[in-house]
Amino acid sequence: MWDLALPKETDRDHRYCNPMVQGPHLANVKKLKRCLIIGYGGDIMVDRQQEFVTMLVKCGVQVEARFDPVGFHNIDMV
């Protein structure tokens, strides 16, 4: 699926699939309003979620982060 979504001759360190890389998209990240990030220890991506919170804070976004050891994987956008 990544071959279909990414420009030719790029790898997965592209801003489309990895928001941690440096690029022009970070200017738009700074425009975000308040964010709530909830992570759970059972989610295999919890480390990446924590890195994402750190990146948002460095960009000046107001973040409320809650990480609990027990929970489930899901996404809600409000």
N, C-alpha and C. Protein backbone atom coordinates (compact mmCIF):
# COMPACT_ATOMS: atom_id res chain seq x y z
N MET A 1 0.82 -1.20 0.00
CA MET A 1 0.00 0.00 0.00
C MET A 1 0.86 1.26 0.00
N TRP A 2 2.02 1.20 0.69
CA TRP A 2 2.88 2.40 0.72
C TRP A 2 3.37 2.74 -0.67
N ASP A 3 3.61 1.74 -1.51
CA ASP A 3 4.06 2.01 -2.88
C ASP A 3 3.02 2.82 -3.64
N LEU A 4 1.75 2.61 -3.34
CA LEU A 4 0.69 3.35 -4.01
C LEU A 4 0.52 4.76 -3.45
N ALA A 5 0.81 4.94 -2.17
CA ALA A 5 0.55 6.22 -1.51
C ALA A 5 1.71 7.20 -1.59
N LEU A 6 2.93 6.70 -1.64
CA LEU A 6 4.11 7.57 -1.61
C LEU A 6 4.61 7.89 -3.01
N PRO A 7 5.28 9.03 -3.17
CA PRO A 7 5.89 9.33 -4.46
C PRO A 7 6.94 8.27 -4.82
N LYS A 8 7.16 8.09 -6.11
CA LYS A 8 8.14 7.09 -6.56
C LYS A 8 9.52 7.42 -6.00
N GLU A 9 10.27 6.36 -5.74
CA GLU A 9 11.65 6.44 -5.27
C GLU A 9 11.79 7.13 -3.90
N THR A 10 10.76 7.04 -3.06
CA THR A 10 10.87 7.51 -1.67
C THR A 10 10.68 6.33 -0.75
N ASP A 11 11.17 6.49 0.47
CA ASP A 11 10.97 5.43 1.45
C ASP A 11 9.94 5.89 2.48
N ARG A 12 9.78 5.14 3.55
CA ARG A 12 8.74 5.47 4.52
C ARG A 12 9.14 6.60 5.45
N ASP A 13 10.32 7.19 5.27
CA ASP A 13 10.67 8.41 6.00
C ASP A 13 10.21 9.62 5.20
N HIS A 14 8.98 9.59 4.80
CA HIS A 14 8.32 10.66 4.05
C HIS A 14 7.29 11.30 4.97
N ARG A 15 7.07 12.59 4.85
CA ARG A 15 6.16 13.28 5.77
C ARG A 15 4.73 12.73 5.72
N TYR A 16 4.36 12.06 4.65
CA TYR A 16 3.02 11.49 4.54
C TYR A 16 2.81 10.37 5.56
N CYS A 17 3.84 9.56 5.80
CA CYS A 17 3.67 8.43 6.72
C CYS A 17 4.52 8.54 7.97
N ASN A 18 5.39 9.53 8.06
CA ASN A 18 6.22 9.71 9.25
C ASN A 18 6.29 11.20 9.58
N PRO A 19 5.39 11.69 10.44
CA PRO A 19 5.37 13.12 10.75
C PRO A 19 6.57 13.59 11.54
N MET A 20 7.44 12.68 11.97
CA MET A 20 8.61 13.06 12.76
C MET A 20 9.74 13.63 11.91
N VAL A 21 9.74 13.38 10.60
CA VAL A 21 10.82 13.87 9.75
C VAL A 21 10.70 15.38 9.57
N GLN A 22 11.84 16.02 9.35
CA GLN A 22 11.86 17.45 9.12
C GLN A 22 11.25 17.75 7.75
N GLY A 23 10.55 18.86 7.66
CA GLY A 23 9.96 19.24 6.38
C GLY A 23 9.01 20.41 6.53
N PRO A 24 8.44 20.85 5.42
CA PRO A 24 7.54 22.00 5.44
C PRO A 24 6.25 21.75 6.21
N HIS A 25 5.90 20.50 6.44
CA HIS A 25 4.67 20.18 7.17
C HIS A 25 4.72 20.64 8.62
N LEU A 26 5.91 20.81 9.17
CA LEU A 26 6.02 21.22 10.58
C LEU A 26 5.49 22.64 10.80
N ALA A 27 5.52 23.47 9.77
CA ALA A 27 4.95 24.82 9.89
C ALA A 27 3.44 24.73 10.11
N ASN A 28 2.81 23.75 9.50
CA ASN A 28 1.36 23.57 9.69
C ASN A 28 1.05 22.91 11.02
N VAL A 29 1.96 22.10 11.53
CA VAL A 29 1.75 21.47 12.84
C VAL A 29 1.62 22.54 13.91
N LYS A 30 2.39 23.61 13.78
CA LYS A 30 2.37 24.69 14.76
C LYS A 30 1.02 25.40 14.82
N LYS A 31 0.19 25.24 13.80
CA LYS A 31 -1.12 25.88 13.75
C LYS A 31 -2.20 25.07 14.47
N LEU A 32 -1.86 23.86 14.91
CA LEU A 32 -2.85 23.03 15.59
C LEU A 32 -3.33 23.68 16.88
N LYS A 33 -4.57 23.46 17.20
CA LYS A 33 -5.14 23.91 18.48
C LYS A 33 -4.80 22.87 19.54
N ARG A 34 -5.52 22.89 20.63
CA ARG A 34 -5.30 21.91 21.70
C ARG A 34 -5.51 20.49 21.19
N CYS A 35 -4.67 19.56 21.66
CA CYS A 35 -4.77 18.17 21.25
C CYS A 35 -4.82 17.27 22.48
N LEU A 36 -5.56 16.19 22.37
CA LEU A 36 -5.60 15.15 23.39
C LEU A 36 -5.05 13.88 22.76
N ILE A 37 -4.01 13.33 23.36
CA ILE A 37 -3.42 12.08 22.90
C ILE A 37 -3.59 11.07 24.03
N ILE A 38 -4.21 9.93 23.72
CA ILE A 38 -4.40 8.88 24.71
C ILE A 38 -3.73 7.62 24.19
N GLY A 39 -2.85 7.04 24.99
CA GLY A 39 -2.16 5.82 24.60
C GLY A 39 -2.27 4.77 25.68
N TYR A 40 -2.14 3.52 25.26
CA TYR A 40 -2.25 2.40 26.17
C TYR A 40 -1.07 1.46 26.00
N GLY A 41 -0.62 0.88 27.12
CA GLY A 41 0.55 0.00 27.10
C GLY A 41 0.39 -1.21 26.21
N GLY A 42 -0.82 -1.67 25.98
CA GLY A 42 -1.05 -2.83 25.13
C GLY A 42 -0.94 -2.52 23.65
N ASP A 43 -0.87 -1.26 23.29
CA ASP A 43 -0.77 -0.86 21.89
C ASP A 43 0.69 -0.92 21.47
N ILE A 44 0.99 -1.61 20.38
CA ILE A 44 2.38 -1.75 19.95
C ILE A 44 2.97 -0.44 19.45
N MET A 45 2.14 0.56 19.21
CA MET A 45 2.61 1.86 18.71
C MET A 45 2.73 2.91 19.81
N VAL A 46 2.65 2.52 21.09
CA VAL A 46 2.64 3.51 22.18
C VAL A 46 3.95 4.30 22.20
N ASP A 47 5.06 3.69 21.85
CA ASP A 47 6.33 4.43 21.81
C ASP A 47 6.28 5.54 20.77
N ARG A 48 5.71 5.24 19.62
CA ARG A 48 5.59 6.25 18.57
C ARG A 48 4.63 7.37 18.99
N GLN A 49 3.59 7.02 19.73
CA GLN A 49 2.65 8.03 20.21
C GLN A 49 3.35 8.98 21.17
N GLN A 50 4.21 8.45 22.02
CA GLN A 50 4.96 9.28 22.96
C GLN A 50 5.93 10.20 22.21
N GLU A 51 6.58 9.69 21.17
CA GLU A 51 7.46 10.53 20.34
C GLU A 51 6.65 11.63 19.66
N PHE A 52 5.43 11.28 19.21
CA PHE A 52 4.56 12.25 18.55
C PHE A 52 4.19 13.38 19.51
N VAL A 53 3.88 13.04 20.75
CA VAL A 53 3.57 14.06 21.76
C VAL A 53 4.76 14.99 21.95
N THR A 54 5.95 14.43 22.05
CA THR A 54 7.16 15.23 22.22
C THR A 54 7.34 16.19 21.05
N MET A 55 7.12 15.71 19.83
CA MET A 55 7.25 16.55 18.64
C MET A 55 6.23 17.68 18.66
N LEU A 56 4.98 17.39 19.05
CA LEU A 56 3.95 18.42 19.13
C LEU A 56 4.32 19.49 20.15
N VAL A 57 4.81 19.08 21.31
CA VAL A 57 5.20 20.03 22.35
C VAL A 57 6.34 20.92 21.86
N LYS A 58 7.33 20.33 21.17
CA LYS A 58 8.44 21.11 20.64
C LYS A 58 7.97 22.13 19.61
N CYS A 59 6.87 21.83 18.92
CA CYS A 59 6.32 22.76 17.92
C CYS A 59 5.41 23.80 18.57
N GLY A 60 5.22 23.72 19.88
CA GLY A 60 4.43 24.72 20.58
C GLY A 60 2.94 24.43 20.66
N VAL A 61 2.55 23.20 20.38
CA VAL A 61 1.14 22.81 20.45
C VAL A 61 0.79 22.48 21.89
N GLN A 62 -0.37 22.93 22.33
CA GLN A 62 -0.85 22.60 23.68
C GLN A 62 -1.39 21.16 23.65
N VAL A 63 -0.74 20.27 24.40
CA VAL A 63 -1.06 18.85 24.36
C VAL A 63 -1.43 18.34 25.75
N GLU A 64 -2.50 17.59 25.81
CA GLU A 64 -2.86 16.83 27.01
C GLU A 64 -2.61 15.37 26.64
N ALA A 65 -1.65 14.73 27.30
CA ALA A 65 -1.29 13.35 26.97
C ALA A 65 -1.60 12.46 28.15
N ARG A 66 -2.26 11.35 27.88
CA ARG A 66 -2.59 10.37 28.91
C ARG A 66 -2.18 8.99 28.41
N PHE A 67 -1.30 8.37 29.15
CA PHE A 67 -0.84 7.03 28.80
C PHE A 67 -1.13 6.10 29.97
N ASP A 68 -1.95 5.09 29.72
CA ASP A 68 -2.33 4.13 30.74
C ASP A 68 -1.77 2.76 30.37
N PRO A 69 -1.43 1.92 31.36
CA PRO A 69 -0.86 0.60 31.06
C PRO A 69 -1.88 -0.37 30.46
N VAL A 70 -3.17 -0.21 30.75
CA VAL A 70 -4.19 -1.13 30.25
C VAL A 70 -5.18 -0.36 29.38
N GLY A 71 -5.49 -0.90 28.21
CA GLY A 71 -6.45 -0.23 27.34
C GLY A 71 -6.53 -0.92 25.99
N PHE A 72 -6.94 -0.17 24.98
CA PHE A 72 -7.19 -0.73 23.67
C PHE A 72 -6.70 0.23 22.60
N HIS A 73 -6.65 -0.24 21.36
CA HIS A 73 -6.21 0.56 20.23
C HIS A 73 -7.43 1.09 19.47
N ASN A 74 -7.48 2.40 19.27
CA ASN A 74 -8.59 3.02 18.56
C ASN A 74 -8.20 4.46 18.24
N ILE A 75 -8.98 5.12 17.41
CA ILE A 75 -8.76 6.53 17.14
C ILE A 75 -10.11 7.23 17.11
N ASP A 76 -10.16 8.40 17.74
CA ASP A 76 -11.35 9.24 17.71
C ASP A 76 -10.90 10.64 17.30
N MET A 77 -11.60 11.22 16.35
CA MET A 77 -11.28 12.58 15.94
C MET A 77 -12.50 13.44 16.21
N VAL A 78 -12.33 14.47 17.00
CA VAL A 78 -13.45 15.34 17.37
C VAL A 78 -13.13 16.75 16.91
